[in-house]
Amino acid sequence: MSLLDERGMALAQPAERVGVTVASLSVLKNDRARAIRYPTLSAICRGHAAPRRCQWWMRR
């Protein structure tokens, strides 16, 4: 079960909160992204409720 499913959210809600398009989040969610720009990752982490996950990605 994904984090969005656990919270009963659709992609539109976090996309609006973070300032990223729904299409971009969909690509990330479905593991089709080949790369992600740092500002996009940073925006997702700022809008995300579980910062430990993002800290792990940012240290890689």
Protein backbone atom coordinates (compact mmCIF):
# COMPACT_ATOMS: atom_id res chain seq x y z
CA MET A 1 0.00 0.00 0.00
CA SER A 2 1.39 3.39 -0.94
CA LEU A 3 1.59 6.42 1.29
CA LEU A 4 -1.11 8.12 -0.77
CA ASP A 5 -3.43 5.13 -0.32
CA GLU A 6 -2.80 5.09 3.43
CA ARG A 7 -3.78 8.75 3.64
CA GLY A 8 -6.70 8.47 1.22
CA MET A 9 -5.22 11.08 -1.10
CA ALA A 10 -5.21 11.46 -4.88
CA LEU A 11 -2.14 12.79 -6.72
CA ALA A 12 -3.82 16.17 -7.21
CA GLN A 13 -3.63 17.03 -3.51
CA PRO A 14 0.13 16.61 -2.98
CA ALA A 15 0.82 18.08 -6.43
CA GLU A 16 -1.03 21.24 -5.47
CA ARG A 17 0.65 21.41 -2.06
CA VAL A 18 4.14 20.93 -3.48
CA GLY A 19 3.75 22.92 -6.69
CA VAL A 20 4.57 20.03 -9.05
CA THR A 21 2.33 18.84 -11.87
CA VAL A 22 0.17 15.75 -11.43
CA ALA A 23 1.88 14.26 -14.49
CA SER A 24 5.31 14.63 -12.89
CA LEU A 25 4.17 12.99 -9.66
CA SER A 26 2.55 10.20 -11.65
CA VAL A 27 5.83 9.47 -13.42
CA LEU A 28 7.64 9.34 -10.07
CA LYS A 29 4.96 7.23 -8.42
CA ASN A 30 4.99 4.63 -11.18
CA ASP A 31 8.81 4.33 -11.31
CA ARG A 32 9.05 5.71 -14.84
CA ALA A 33 11.31 8.64 -14.01
CA ARG A 34 14.86 8.46 -15.31
CA ALA A 35 15.96 11.53 -13.36
CA ILE A 36 14.61 14.16 -11.02
CA ARG A 37 15.76 17.74 -10.72
CA TYR A 38 17.00 18.79 -7.30
CA PRO A 39 14.45 21.65 -6.95
CA THR A 40 11.63 19.16 -7.63
CA LEU A 41 12.98 16.70 -5.07
CA SER A 42 13.43 19.50 -2.56
CA ALA A 43 9.84 20.73 -3.10
CA ILE A 44 8.48 17.22 -2.63
CA CYS A 45 10.48 16.80 0.58
CA ARG A 46 9.29 20.14 1.96
CA GLY A 47 5.66 19.18 1.29
CA HIS A 48 6.06 15.62 2.53
CA ALA A 49 5.04 14.56 6.03
CA ALA A 50 7.83 11.96 6.38
CA PRO A 51 11.09 13.93 6.08
CA ARG A 52 13.31 10.97 7.03
CA ARG A 53 12.58 9.34 3.66
CA CYS A 54 13.73 12.43 1.80
CA GLN A 55 16.84 12.86 3.94
CA TRP A 56 17.91 9.40 2.84
CA TRP A 57 17.49 10.29 -0.83
CA MET A 58 19.26 13.59 -0.48
CA ARG A 59 22.33 11.96 1.12
CA ARG A 60 22.78 9.51 -1.79
